Every structure is written in C-alpha cells, then in structure tokens.
Amino acid sequence: MKTPPSTSGEPAHPDPRSRVEEEEEELQAPSAIRFSPEEEAQALLSQSHAEKSEANDLFKSAQYSQAISVYDRALASVPNYLEYEIAVLKSNIAACHLKLLDWKAAIEEATKSIEALDRLESLRAEDKQKNARAEGSGDARPSSRKDDEVVELVDDEEDEGEALKKIQEDDKRKEDIRRIRIKALMRRARARSEQGGWGNLQGALE
C-alpha cells in the first residue's frame, strides 16, 4: 500500500538532520549584548558630546535654528541626573535664541540652565555633609576646612596624592559651574533687558 502524497507541500517524512541543524543554529545565535548602567550612561554622554560639537559648529556658522535642533538632540541623549551637562546645553540654546531675537525663549532656557546648576550645587552640598559625617564617625576628627583654607594632607604618599587630585578636581568643577552660571545669568539679563526695551517701545508707539 502506497503512502498518499502530502497535501501541505512539505515532505511526508522530514529529514531528521534538518531538525538537528535548526536546533544548532538556535543555540549558536548570538545573545543580545547588555551594558552596565555606567557603560550605557557613558555611551549616551559620548553621543551627546558629539551632537553638542556639531551644534557648536552650526552656531559658529550662524545657523542658529539648526543649532537649536541639534542641541535638543544632545539634551535627549544626556542622562537626566547629569545636571552640569544639561546646564551647558540649556545655556547654549539660550545663546541661539538671543541671536534669533527671541527674548522670551532665551529667558526660559537661561533660567533652566541656572536651575540645573542650583540642583547640582545642592547635591554637591549634600555629598559634602555625608562625607563629613562619615569622617566624624571614624577615628579621625571631622574636617572643619573652609573653601579658602589650606588642607593638611595625610602622611601616606598614595593617599596624599589621591586627596590632592580630588581637591583639584573639586576646585575645577566649582570653577566650571561658576563660569556657566555667569554666562546663563548674563544671557538672561540681556534677554530681559531687550524684552523690556521692546515692550517700552511698543507701548510708546501705541
């Protein structure tokens, strides 16, 4: 008795070797690459820096509207806890709006830059308090150092080098924050001045 032909278009007795090959292919398929949160944040930050550089070039070539769009893309790539990077981008966007004579938008973006710096400095102050409490709970006496006082470093050379490096990095970040804050304040002040001037002129014309 003959076996009736298959009506599904597939062989009635599939080759068992093909099933084995399919299973091997599934086992050999590469799994999705997973990054740690730190690696992902660094990748996003690198992308943001590249886009910021592109936007800076557009600003230099007086393509202010295009620069705003690219700065916005850079902002979308920045992790929301990196307040300093957010402040820099917002300040740059405010500068673009100043060039476009859009005073209201310039004020809004400069204010957002300043608010990001405020949040950053608040977090830095909290970290310093935590570190001071941690030092106070140990054998060493808590430091009463002020920003303008000389720091007495520990005797160990390796620890001394690390402490000095940390102080230098902290001083540099404070200077960076101060520089961006001054820029954002000046841009907001100019936009408010211009906005007030236009308002006074329009009132006189009416």
N, C-alpha and C. Protein backbone atom coordinates (compact mmCIF):
# COMPACT_ATOMS: atom_id res chain seq x y z
N MET A 1 0.85 -1.19 0.00
CA MET A 1 0.00 0.00 0.00
C MET A 1 0.88 1.23 0.00
N LYS A 2 0.65 2.16 -0.91
CA LYS A 2 1.49 3.36 -1.02
C LYS A 2 1.02 4.45 -0.07
N THR A 3 1.99 5.20 0.42
CA THR A 3 1.67 6.32 1.29
C THR A 3 1.17 7.48 0.46
N PRO A 4 -0.01 8.04 0.77
CA PRO A 4 -0.54 9.17 -0.05
C PRO A 4 0.37 10.37 0.05
N PRO A 5 0.51 11.09 -1.04
CA PRO A 5 1.40 12.29 -1.03
C PRO A 5 0.87 13.36 -0.09
N SER A 6 1.80 14.13 0.46
CA SER A 6 1.42 15.21 1.38
C SER A 6 0.76 16.34 0.62
N THR A 7 -0.30 16.88 1.19
CA THR A 7 -1.02 17.99 0.54
C THR A 7 -0.54 19.34 1.02
N SER A 8 0.35 19.36 2.01
CA SER A 8 0.80 20.65 2.56
C SER A 8 2.01 21.20 1.85
N GLY A 9 2.54 20.43 0.90
CA GLY A 9 3.74 20.90 0.20
C GLY A 9 5.00 20.51 0.90
N GLU A 10 4.96 19.95 2.14
CA GLU A 10 6.12 19.52 2.88
C GLU A 10 6.28 18.02 2.71
N PRO A 11 7.51 17.51 2.80
CA PRO A 11 7.71 16.06 2.68
C PRO A 11 7.00 15.32 3.80
N ALA A 12 6.48 14.16 3.47
CA ALA A 12 5.75 13.37 4.47
C ALA A 12 6.65 12.94 5.59
N HIS A 13 7.95 12.68 5.29
CA HIS A 13 8.91 12.26 6.31
C HIS A 13 10.07 13.23 6.28
N PRO A 14 10.02 14.33 7.04
CA PRO A 14 11.09 15.32 7.00
C PRO A 14 12.41 14.71 7.44
N ASP A 15 13.47 15.23 6.85
CA ASP A 15 14.81 14.74 7.16
C ASP A 15 15.15 15.11 8.60
N PRO A 16 15.45 14.15 9.47
CA PRO A 16 15.75 14.47 10.88
C PRO A 16 16.99 15.34 11.01
N ARG A 17 17.90 15.28 10.02
CA ARG A 17 19.11 16.09 10.10
C ARG A 17 18.81 17.58 10.04
N SER A 18 17.77 17.95 9.26
CA SER A 18 17.42 19.37 9.16
C SER A 18 16.93 19.91 10.49
N ARG A 19 16.22 19.07 11.26
CA ARG A 19 15.75 19.50 12.58
C ARG A 19 16.94 19.72 13.52
N VAL A 20 17.93 18.85 13.45
CA VAL A 20 19.12 18.99 14.28
C VAL A 20 19.88 20.26 13.91
N GLU A 21 20.00 20.55 12.60
CA GLU A 21 20.71 21.74 12.15
C GLU A 21 20.00 23.01 12.65
N GLU A 22 18.67 23.01 12.61
CA GLU A 22 17.92 24.16 13.09
C GLU A 22 18.17 24.39 14.58
N GLU A 23 18.21 23.33 15.37
CA GLU A 23 18.44 23.47 16.79
C GLU A 23 19.84 23.99 17.07
N GLU A 24 20.82 23.54 16.27
CA GLU A 24 22.18 24.02 16.45
C GLU A 24 22.28 25.51 16.12
N GLU A 25 21.57 25.95 15.08
CA GLU A 25 21.58 27.36 14.72
C GLU A 25 20.99 28.22 15.83
N GLU A 26 19.92 27.71 16.47
CA GLU A 26 19.31 28.46 17.57
C GLU A 26 20.28 28.58 18.74
N LEU A 27 21.02 27.49 19.02
CA LEU A 27 21.97 27.53 20.12
C LEU A 27 23.13 28.46 19.84
N GLN A 28 23.52 28.56 18.55
CA GLN A 28 24.66 29.38 18.19
C GLN A 28 24.29 30.85 17.96
N ALA A 29 22.99 31.16 17.95
CA ALA A 29 22.58 32.55 17.71
C ALA A 29 23.11 33.44 18.82
N PRO A 30 23.72 34.58 18.46
CA PRO A 30 24.30 35.46 19.49
C PRO A 30 23.23 36.07 20.37
N SER A 31 23.48 36.10 21.66
CA SER A 31 22.54 36.72 22.59
C SER A 31 22.70 38.23 22.55
N ALA A 32 21.68 38.96 22.96
CA ALA A 32 21.73 40.42 22.94
C ALA A 32 22.81 40.94 23.89
N ILE A 33 23.58 41.91 23.42
CA ILE A 33 24.66 42.49 24.22
C ILE A 33 24.05 43.40 25.28
N ARG A 34 24.45 43.20 26.51
CA ARG A 34 23.92 44.01 27.60
C ARG A 34 25.05 44.84 28.21
N PHE A 35 24.74 46.12 28.48
CA PHE A 35 25.72 47.02 29.07
C PHE A 35 25.33 47.32 30.51
N SER A 36 26.33 47.61 31.31
CA SER A 36 26.06 48.04 32.67
C SER A 36 25.50 49.46 32.64
N PRO A 37 24.82 49.89 33.70
CA PRO A 37 24.29 51.27 33.73
C PRO A 37 25.37 52.31 33.50
N GLU A 38 26.59 52.06 34.04
CA GLU A 38 27.68 53.02 33.85
C GLU A 38 28.11 53.09 32.40
N GLU A 39 28.21 51.92 31.75
CA GLU A 39 28.60 51.89 30.33
C GLU A 39 27.54 52.54 29.45
N GLU A 40 26.28 52.31 29.77
CA GLU A 40 25.20 52.91 28.99
C GLU A 40 25.20 54.42 29.15
N ALA A 41 25.41 54.90 30.38
CA ALA A 41 25.45 56.34 30.61
C ALA A 41 26.62 56.97 29.88
N GLN A 42 27.77 56.30 29.88
CA GLN A 42 28.94 56.83 29.19
C GLN A 42 28.71 56.88 27.68
N ALA A 43 28.04 55.86 27.14
CA ALA A 43 27.74 55.85 25.71
C ALA A 43 26.80 57.00 25.34
N LEU A 44 25.78 57.21 26.17
CA LEU A 44 24.84 58.31 25.93
C LEU A 44 25.54 59.66 26.01
N LEU A 45 26.44 59.79 26.98
CA LEU A 45 27.15 61.05 27.16
C LEU A 45 28.08 61.32 25.98
N SER A 46 28.74 60.28 25.48
CA SER A 46 29.61 60.44 24.31
C SER A 46 28.80 60.88 23.09
N GLN A 47 27.62 60.30 22.93
CA GLN A 47 26.75 60.69 21.83
C GLN A 47 26.32 62.15 21.98
N SER A 48 25.99 62.54 23.20
CA SER A 48 25.58 63.91 23.46
C SER A 48 26.71 64.89 23.15
N HIS A 49 27.93 64.54 23.54
CA HIS A 49 29.08 65.42 23.28
C HIS A 49 29.31 65.60 21.78
N ALA A 50 29.14 64.51 21.03
CA ALA A 50 29.31 64.60 19.58
C ALA A 50 28.26 65.53 18.97
N GLU A 51 27.02 65.41 19.43
CA GLU A 51 25.95 66.27 18.91
C GLU A 51 26.15 67.72 19.34
N LYS A 52 26.64 67.92 20.57
CA LYS A 52 26.92 69.29 21.03
C LYS A 52 28.00 69.93 20.17
N SER A 53 29.03 69.16 19.82
CA SER A 53 30.09 69.68 18.96
C SER A 53 29.54 70.08 17.60
N GLU A 54 28.63 69.26 17.07
CA GLU A 54 28.00 69.58 15.79
C GLU A 54 27.18 70.87 15.90
N ALA A 55 26.45 70.99 16.99
CA ALA A 55 25.64 72.20 17.21
C ALA A 55 26.52 73.44 17.36
N ASN A 56 27.65 73.29 18.04
CA ASN A 56 28.57 74.42 18.19
C ASN A 56 29.06 74.92 16.84
N ASP A 57 29.34 73.99 15.95
CA ASP A 57 29.78 74.37 14.60
C ASP A 57 28.66 75.11 13.86
N LEU A 58 27.43 74.65 14.03
CA LEU A 58 26.30 75.33 13.39
C LEU A 58 26.14 76.75 13.95
N PHE A 59 26.34 76.89 15.26
CA PHE A 59 26.24 78.21 15.88
C PHE A 59 27.31 79.15 15.31
N LYS A 60 28.53 78.63 15.17
CA LYS A 60 29.62 79.45 14.65
C LYS A 60 29.37 79.89 13.22
N SER A 61 28.63 79.08 12.47
CA SER A 61 28.32 79.43 11.08
C SER A 61 26.99 80.18 10.97
N ALA A 62 26.47 80.66 12.11
CA ALA A 62 25.26 81.48 12.16
C ALA A 62 24.00 80.73 11.74
N GLN A 63 24.00 79.41 11.87
CA GLN A 63 22.79 78.61 11.60
C GLN A 63 22.12 78.30 12.95
N TYR A 64 21.51 79.33 13.50
CA TYR A 64 21.05 79.25 14.89
C TYR A 64 19.86 78.32 15.08
N SER A 65 18.90 78.34 14.16
CA SER A 65 17.74 77.45 14.30
C SER A 65 18.16 76.00 14.20
N GLN A 66 19.07 75.69 13.25
CA GLN A 66 19.56 74.32 13.13
C GLN A 66 20.36 73.93 14.37
N ALA A 67 21.10 74.87 14.91
CA ALA A 67 21.89 74.58 16.12
C ALA A 67 20.97 74.21 17.28
N ILE A 68 19.86 74.91 17.42
CA ILE A 68 18.91 74.61 18.50
C ILE A 68 18.40 73.17 18.37
N SER A 69 18.08 72.76 17.15
CA SER A 69 17.57 71.39 16.93
C SER A 69 18.60 70.35 17.35
N VAL A 70 19.87 70.60 17.02
CA VAL A 70 20.92 69.63 17.36
C VAL A 70 21.21 69.66 18.86
N TYR A 71 21.17 70.85 19.46
CA TYR A 71 21.33 70.92 20.92
C TYR A 71 20.21 70.15 21.62
N ASP A 72 19.00 70.23 21.09
CA ASP A 72 17.88 69.48 21.66
C ASP A 72 18.13 67.98 21.56
N ARG A 73 18.72 67.53 20.45
CA ARG A 73 19.06 66.12 20.31
C ARG A 73 20.12 65.72 21.35
N ALA A 74 21.08 66.61 21.55
CA ALA A 74 22.11 66.34 22.55
C ALA A 74 21.49 66.24 23.94
N LEU A 75 20.52 67.09 24.24
CA LEU A 75 19.83 67.04 25.53
C LEU A 75 19.09 65.72 25.71
N ALA A 76 18.49 65.23 24.64
CA ALA A 76 17.73 63.98 24.72
C ALA A 76 18.64 62.80 25.04
N SER A 77 19.94 62.92 24.71
CA SER A 77 20.88 61.83 24.96
C SER A 77 21.49 61.88 26.36
N VAL A 78 21.40 63.03 27.02
CA VAL A 78 22.05 63.18 28.33
C VAL A 78 21.20 62.51 29.43
N PRO A 79 21.78 61.64 30.24
CA PRO A 79 21.04 61.12 31.40
C PRO A 79 20.55 62.27 32.28
N ASN A 80 19.33 62.17 32.77
CA ASN A 80 18.70 63.32 33.44
C ASN A 80 19.33 63.69 34.77
N TYR A 81 20.28 62.89 35.27
CA TYR A 81 20.93 63.24 36.53
C TYR A 81 22.24 64.00 36.32
N LEU A 82 22.65 64.21 35.06
CA LEU A 82 23.88 64.95 34.77
C LEU A 82 23.53 66.43 34.61
N GLU A 83 23.35 67.09 35.74
CA GLU A 83 22.85 68.46 35.75
C GLU A 83 23.82 69.44 35.08
N TYR A 84 25.10 69.23 35.24
CA TYR A 84 26.07 70.17 34.65
C TYR A 84 25.97 70.16 33.12
N GLU A 85 25.93 68.97 32.52
CA GLU A 85 25.82 68.87 31.06
C GLU A 85 24.51 69.49 30.57
N ILE A 86 23.44 69.28 31.33
CA ILE A 86 22.15 69.88 30.97
C ILE A 86 22.24 71.40 31.02
N ALA A 87 22.90 71.93 32.06
CA ALA A 87 23.03 73.39 32.20
C ALA A 87 23.81 73.99 31.04
N VAL A 88 24.88 73.33 30.62
CA VAL A 88 25.68 73.83 29.50
C VAL A 88 24.84 73.90 28.22
N LEU A 89 24.10 72.85 27.94
CA LEU A 89 23.30 72.81 26.72
C LEU A 89 22.18 73.84 26.76
N LYS A 90 21.54 73.99 27.91
CA LYS A 90 20.46 74.98 28.02
C LYS A 90 21.01 76.40 27.84
N SER A 91 22.19 76.66 28.38
CA SER A 91 22.80 77.98 28.21
C SER A 91 23.14 78.24 26.75
N ASN A 92 23.62 77.20 26.05
CA ASN A 92 23.94 77.35 24.63
C ASN A 92 22.68 77.61 23.81
N ILE A 93 21.60 76.94 24.17
CA ILE A 93 20.33 77.17 23.47
C ILE A 93 19.85 78.60 23.70
N ALA A 94 20.03 79.09 24.92
CA ALA A 94 19.67 80.49 25.22
C ALA A 94 20.46 81.45 24.33
N ALA A 95 21.74 81.15 24.10
CA ALA A 95 22.56 81.99 23.23
C ALA A 95 22.01 82.00 21.81
N CYS A 96 21.53 80.86 21.34
CA CYS A 96 20.93 80.79 20.00
C CYS A 96 19.69 81.67 19.91
N HIS A 97 18.84 81.59 20.93
CA HIS A 97 17.62 82.40 20.92
C HIS A 97 17.94 83.90 20.97
N LEU A 98 19.01 84.25 21.65
CA LEU A 98 19.43 85.66 21.66
C LEU A 98 19.77 86.12 20.25
N LYS A 99 20.49 85.28 19.51
CA LYS A 99 20.86 85.61 18.14
C LYS A 99 19.62 85.74 17.25
N LEU A 100 18.59 84.95 17.56
CA LEU A 100 17.35 84.99 16.79
C LEU A 100 16.38 86.06 17.30
N LEU A 101 16.82 86.82 18.32
CA LEU A 101 16.00 87.90 18.91
C LEU A 101 14.71 87.37 19.55
N ASP A 102 14.74 86.12 19.97
CA ASP A 102 13.60 85.52 20.65
C ASP A 102 13.87 85.64 22.15
N TRP A 103 13.51 86.80 22.70
CA TRP A 103 13.88 87.11 24.08
C TRP A 103 13.21 86.19 25.09
N LYS A 104 11.94 85.89 24.88
CA LYS A 104 11.21 85.05 25.82
C LYS A 104 11.83 83.66 25.91
N ALA A 105 12.12 83.06 24.76
CA ALA A 105 12.73 81.72 24.76
C ALA A 105 14.12 81.75 25.39
N ALA A 106 14.86 82.83 25.13
CA ALA A 106 16.20 82.96 25.71
C ALA A 106 16.12 83.02 27.24
N ILE A 107 15.15 83.76 27.76
CA ILE A 107 14.97 83.84 29.21
C ILE A 107 14.64 82.47 29.79
N GLU A 108 13.74 81.75 29.13
CA GLU A 108 13.31 80.44 29.63
C GLU A 108 14.48 79.45 29.66
N GLU A 109 15.26 79.42 28.58
CA GLU A 109 16.36 78.45 28.52
C GLU A 109 17.49 78.81 29.49
N ALA A 110 17.79 80.10 29.62
CA ALA A 110 18.82 80.52 30.57
C ALA A 110 18.39 80.20 32.00
N THR A 111 17.12 80.39 32.29
CA THR A 111 16.60 80.07 33.63
C THR A 111 16.71 78.58 33.91
N LYS A 112 16.42 77.75 32.93
CA LYS A 112 16.55 76.30 33.10
C LYS A 112 18.00 75.90 33.34
N SER A 113 18.92 76.60 32.69
CA SER A 113 20.34 76.35 32.92
C SER A 113 20.71 76.66 34.36
N ILE A 114 20.27 77.80 34.86
CA ILE A 114 20.57 78.21 36.23
C ILE A 114 19.93 77.23 37.23
N GLU A 115 18.72 76.79 36.96
CA GLU A 115 18.04 75.84 37.85
C GLU A 115 18.80 74.51 37.91
N ALA A 116 19.33 74.06 36.77
CA ALA A 116 20.11 72.82 36.76
C ALA A 116 21.36 72.96 37.62
N LEU A 117 22.00 74.13 37.54
CA LEU A 117 23.19 74.37 38.38
C LEU A 117 22.83 74.43 39.86
N ASP A 118 21.66 75.00 40.16
CA ASP A 118 21.20 75.04 41.55
C ASP A 118 21.03 73.62 42.10
N ARG A 119 20.43 72.76 41.29
CA ARG A 119 20.23 71.37 41.73
C ARG A 119 21.58 70.67 41.92
N LEU A 120 22.51 70.95 41.00
CA LEU A 120 23.83 70.33 41.10
C LEU A 120 24.55 70.76 42.38
N GLU A 121 24.52 72.05 42.68
CA GLU A 121 25.21 72.52 43.87
C GLU A 121 24.54 72.01 45.14
N SER A 122 23.24 71.83 45.10
CA SER A 122 22.54 71.26 46.25
C SER A 122 23.00 69.82 46.49
N LEU A 123 23.14 69.05 45.41
CA LEU A 123 23.61 67.67 45.53
C LEU A 123 25.05 67.62 46.03
N ARG A 124 25.88 68.54 45.55
CA ARG A 124 27.27 68.58 46.00
C ARG A 124 27.36 68.90 47.49
N ALA A 125 26.50 69.81 47.95
CA ALA A 125 26.50 70.16 49.37
C ALA A 125 26.07 68.96 50.21
N GLU A 126 25.08 68.21 49.74
CA GLU A 126 24.64 67.02 50.46
C GLU A 126 25.75 65.98 50.54
N ASP A 127 26.49 65.81 49.43
CA ASP A 127 27.59 64.84 49.42
C ASP A 127 28.68 65.24 50.42
N LYS A 128 28.97 66.54 50.50
CA LYS A 128 29.98 67.01 51.45
C LYS A 128 29.55 66.75 52.89
N GLN A 129 28.28 66.96 53.16
CA GLN A 129 27.77 66.70 54.51
C GLN A 129 27.87 65.21 54.86
N LYS A 130 27.55 64.35 53.89
CA LYS A 130 27.65 62.91 54.13
C LYS A 130 29.10 62.51 54.39
N ASN A 131 30.02 63.07 53.59
CA ASN A 131 31.43 62.74 53.78
C ASN A 131 31.93 63.22 55.14
N ALA A 132 31.47 64.40 55.55
CA ALA A 132 31.88 64.94 56.84
C ALA A 132 31.37 64.05 57.98
N ARG A 133 30.13 63.58 57.86
CA ARG A 133 29.58 62.69 58.89
C ARG A 133 30.33 61.36 58.93
N ALA A 134 30.70 60.87 57.72
CA ALA A 134 31.44 59.61 57.65
C ALA A 134 32.81 59.75 58.30
N GLU A 135 33.46 60.89 58.06
CA GLU A 135 34.77 61.13 58.68
C GLU A 135 34.62 61.28 60.19
N GLY A 136 33.56 61.92 60.63
CA GLY A 136 33.34 62.13 62.05
C GLY A 136 33.06 60.85 62.81
N SER A 137 32.52 59.85 62.11
CA SER A 137 32.21 58.58 62.77
C SER A 137 33.44 57.69 62.92
N GLY A 138 34.55 58.06 62.25
CA GLY A 138 35.77 57.27 62.33
C GLY A 138 36.68 57.78 63.43
N ASP A 139 37.93 57.28 63.41
CA ASP A 139 38.90 57.69 64.42
C ASP A 139 39.37 59.11 64.19
N ALA A 140 39.43 59.51 62.89
CA ALA A 140 39.94 60.84 62.59
C ALA A 140 38.90 61.88 62.94
N ARG A 141 39.38 63.05 63.35
CA ARG A 141 38.46 64.15 63.66
C ARG A 141 37.86 64.70 62.39
N PRO A 142 36.59 65.12 62.39
CA PRO A 142 35.97 65.68 61.19
C PRO A 142 36.67 66.96 60.79
N SER A 143 36.76 67.14 59.48
CA SER A 143 37.45 68.31 58.95
C SER A 143 36.56 69.54 59.08
N SER A 144 37.17 70.65 59.51
CA SER A 144 36.45 71.93 59.57
C SER A 144 36.95 72.87 58.49
N ARG A 145 37.47 72.30 57.40
CA ARG A 145 38.06 73.08 56.33
C ARG A 145 37.03 73.96 55.64
N LYS A 146 37.42 75.17 55.38
CA LYS A 146 36.64 76.08 54.55
C LYS A 146 37.26 76.11 53.17
N ASP A 147 36.51 76.64 52.18
CA ASP A 147 36.99 76.62 50.80
C ASP A 147 38.31 77.35 50.63
N ASP A 148 38.56 78.39 51.45
CA ASP A 148 39.76 79.20 51.26
C ASP A 148 40.89 78.80 52.20
N GLU A 149 40.74 77.69 52.94
CA GLU A 149 41.76 77.27 53.87
C GLU A 149 42.68 76.23 53.24
N VAL A 150 43.92 76.18 53.74
CA VAL A 150 44.88 75.19 53.27
C VAL A 150 44.54 73.84 53.89
N VAL A 151 44.61 72.79 53.07
CA VAL A 151 44.26 71.47 53.55
C VAL A 151 45.52 70.74 54.01
N GLU A 152 45.48 70.17 55.21
CA GLU A 152 46.59 69.36 55.70
C GLU A 152 46.38 67.93 55.23
N LEU A 153 47.27 67.48 54.35
CA LEU A 153 47.11 66.16 53.77
C LEU A 153 47.66 65.09 54.71
N VAL A 154 47.21 63.88 54.50
CA VAL A 154 47.64 62.77 55.33
C VAL A 154 49.07 62.38 54.99
N ASP A 155 49.69 61.57 55.87
CA ASP A 155 51.09 61.24 55.71
C ASP A 155 51.34 60.26 54.57
N ASP A 156 50.46 59.31 54.39
CA ASP A 156 50.68 58.30 53.36
C ASP A 156 50.74 58.95 51.99
N GLU A 157 51.79 58.63 51.21
CA GLU A 157 52.00 59.32 49.93
C GLU A 157 50.90 59.00 48.93
N GLU A 158 50.48 57.76 48.90
CA GLU A 158 49.43 57.38 47.94
C GLU A 158 48.12 58.07 48.28
N ASP A 159 47.74 58.04 49.56
CA ASP A 159 46.51 58.71 49.99
C ASP A 159 46.63 60.22 49.79
N GLU A 160 47.83 60.74 49.98
CA GLU A 160 48.05 62.17 49.80
C GLU A 160 47.83 62.57 48.36
N GLY A 161 48.34 61.75 47.45
CA GLY A 161 48.15 62.04 46.02
C GLY A 161 46.69 61.98 45.61
N GLU A 162 45.96 60.99 46.13
CA GLU A 162 44.54 60.88 45.82
C GLU A 162 43.76 62.06 46.39
N ALA A 163 44.11 62.46 47.60
CA ALA A 163 43.42 63.59 48.23
C ALA A 163 43.66 64.87 47.44
N LEU A 164 44.90 65.07 47.01
CA LEU A 164 45.23 66.27 46.24
C LEU A 164 44.50 66.28 44.90
N LYS A 165 44.45 65.13 44.25
CA LYS A 165 43.75 65.02 42.98
C LYS A 165 42.26 65.33 43.15
N LYS A 166 41.68 64.82 44.22
CA LYS A 166 40.25 65.06 44.47
C LYS A 166 39.98 66.54 44.71
N ILE A 167 40.86 67.19 45.46
CA ILE A 167 40.69 68.62 45.73
C ILE A 167 40.79 69.42 44.44
N GLN A 168 41.76 69.07 43.58
CA GLN A 168 41.94 69.78 42.32
C GLN A 168 40.72 69.60 41.42
N GLU A 169 40.20 68.37 41.36
CA GLU A 169 39.01 68.12 40.55
C GLU A 169 37.80 68.88 41.09
N ASP A 170 37.68 68.94 42.40
CA ASP A 170 36.57 69.66 43.01
C ASP A 170 36.66 71.15 42.73
N ASP A 171 37.88 71.70 42.81
CA ASP A 171 38.07 73.12 42.52
C ASP A 171 37.76 73.44 41.07
N LYS A 172 38.16 72.53 40.16
CA LYS A 172 37.89 72.75 38.74
C LYS A 172 36.39 72.72 38.45
N ARG A 173 35.69 71.77 39.07
CA ARG A 173 34.25 71.69 38.85
C ARG A 173 33.54 72.93 39.39
N LYS A 174 34.00 73.43 40.55
CA LYS A 174 33.40 74.65 41.10
C LYS A 174 33.60 75.82 40.14
N GLU A 175 34.78 75.90 39.54
CA GLU A 175 35.05 76.98 38.59
C GLU A 175 34.21 76.82 37.33
N ASP A 176 34.04 75.59 36.87
CA ASP A 176 33.20 75.34 35.69
C ASP A 176 31.75 75.75 35.96
N ILE A 177 31.25 75.39 37.13
CA ILE A 177 29.87 75.75 37.50
C ILE A 177 29.73 77.27 37.54
N ARG A 178 30.70 77.92 38.14
CA ARG A 178 30.66 79.38 38.24
C ARG A 178 30.67 80.02 36.84
N ARG A 179 31.48 79.50 35.95
CA ARG A 179 31.59 80.06 34.60
C ARG A 179 30.27 79.92 33.84
N ILE A 180 29.66 78.73 33.89
CA ILE A 180 28.39 78.52 33.18
C ILE A 180 27.28 79.35 33.82
N ARG A 181 27.28 79.48 35.13
CA ARG A 181 26.27 80.29 35.80
C ARG A 181 26.36 81.75 35.35
N ILE A 182 27.58 82.28 35.27
CA ILE A 182 27.76 83.67 34.84
C ILE A 182 27.24 83.85 33.42
N LYS A 183 27.56 82.91 32.53
CA LYS A 183 27.07 83.00 31.15
C LYS A 183 25.55 82.99 31.09
N ALA A 184 24.94 82.06 31.83
CA ALA A 184 23.48 81.96 31.80
C ALA A 184 22.84 83.21 32.39
N LEU A 185 23.40 83.74 33.48
CA LEU A 185 22.85 84.95 34.09
C LEU A 185 22.96 86.14 33.14
N MET A 186 24.10 86.26 32.47
CA MET A 186 24.28 87.37 31.54
C MET A 186 23.33 87.26 30.35
N ARG A 187 23.14 86.05 29.86
CA ARG A 187 22.23 85.86 28.72
C ARG A 187 20.79 86.15 29.13
N ARG A 188 20.41 85.73 30.32
CA ARG A 188 19.06 86.02 30.78
C ARG A 188 18.87 87.52 31.01
N ALA A 189 19.89 88.15 31.59
CA ALA A 189 19.79 89.59 31.85
C ALA A 189 19.66 90.37 30.54
N ARG A 190 20.43 89.98 29.54
CA ARG A 190 20.34 90.67 28.26
C ARG A 190 18.98 90.48 27.62
N ALA A 191 18.46 89.24 27.67
CA ALA A 191 17.16 88.97 27.08
C ALA A 191 16.06 89.76 27.80
N ARG A 192 16.14 89.84 29.12
CA ARG A 192 15.15 90.62 29.87
C ARG A 192 15.24 92.10 29.53
N SER A 193 16.47 92.58 29.37
CA SER A 193 16.65 93.98 29.02
C SER A 193 16.07 94.28 27.65
N GLU A 194 16.36 93.40 26.70
CA GLU A 194 15.85 93.59 25.34
C GLU A 194 14.33 93.47 25.31
N GLN A 195 13.81 92.48 26.05
CA GLN A 195 12.36 92.30 26.09
C GLN A 195 11.67 93.51 26.68
N GLY A 196 12.27 94.08 27.75
CA GLY A 196 11.70 95.28 28.35
C GLY A 196 11.79 96.47 27.43
N GLY A 197 12.91 96.56 26.69
CA GLY A 197 13.06 97.66 25.75
C GLY A 197 12.03 97.62 24.64
N TRP A 198 11.80 96.42 24.09
CA TRP A 198 10.78 96.29 23.05
C TRP A 198 9.40 96.58 23.59
N GLY A 199 9.15 96.14 24.83
CA GLY A 199 7.83 96.40 25.40
C GLY A 199 7.60 97.89 25.59
N ASN A 200 8.63 98.61 26.05
CA ASN A 200 8.50 100.06 26.23
C ASN A 200 8.30 100.76 24.90
N LEU A 201 9.04 100.28 23.88
CA LEU A 201 8.90 100.89 22.56
C LEU A 201 7.51 100.67 21.98
N GLN A 202 6.99 99.45 22.13
CA GLN A 202 5.65 99.16 21.62
C GLN A 202 4.61 99.99 22.35
N GLY A 203 4.78 100.18 23.68
CA GLY A 203 3.84 101.00 24.43
C GLY A 203 3.86 102.44 23.97
N ALA A 204 5.03 102.95 23.64
CA ALA A 204 5.14 104.33 23.16
C ALA A 204 4.47 104.48 21.79
N LEU A 205 4.60 103.46 20.94
CA LEU A 205 4.02 103.54 19.60
C LEU A 205 2.51 103.45 19.67
N GLU A 206 2.00 102.71 20.63
CA GLU A 206 0.54 102.58 20.75
C GLU A 206 -0.06 103.87 21.29
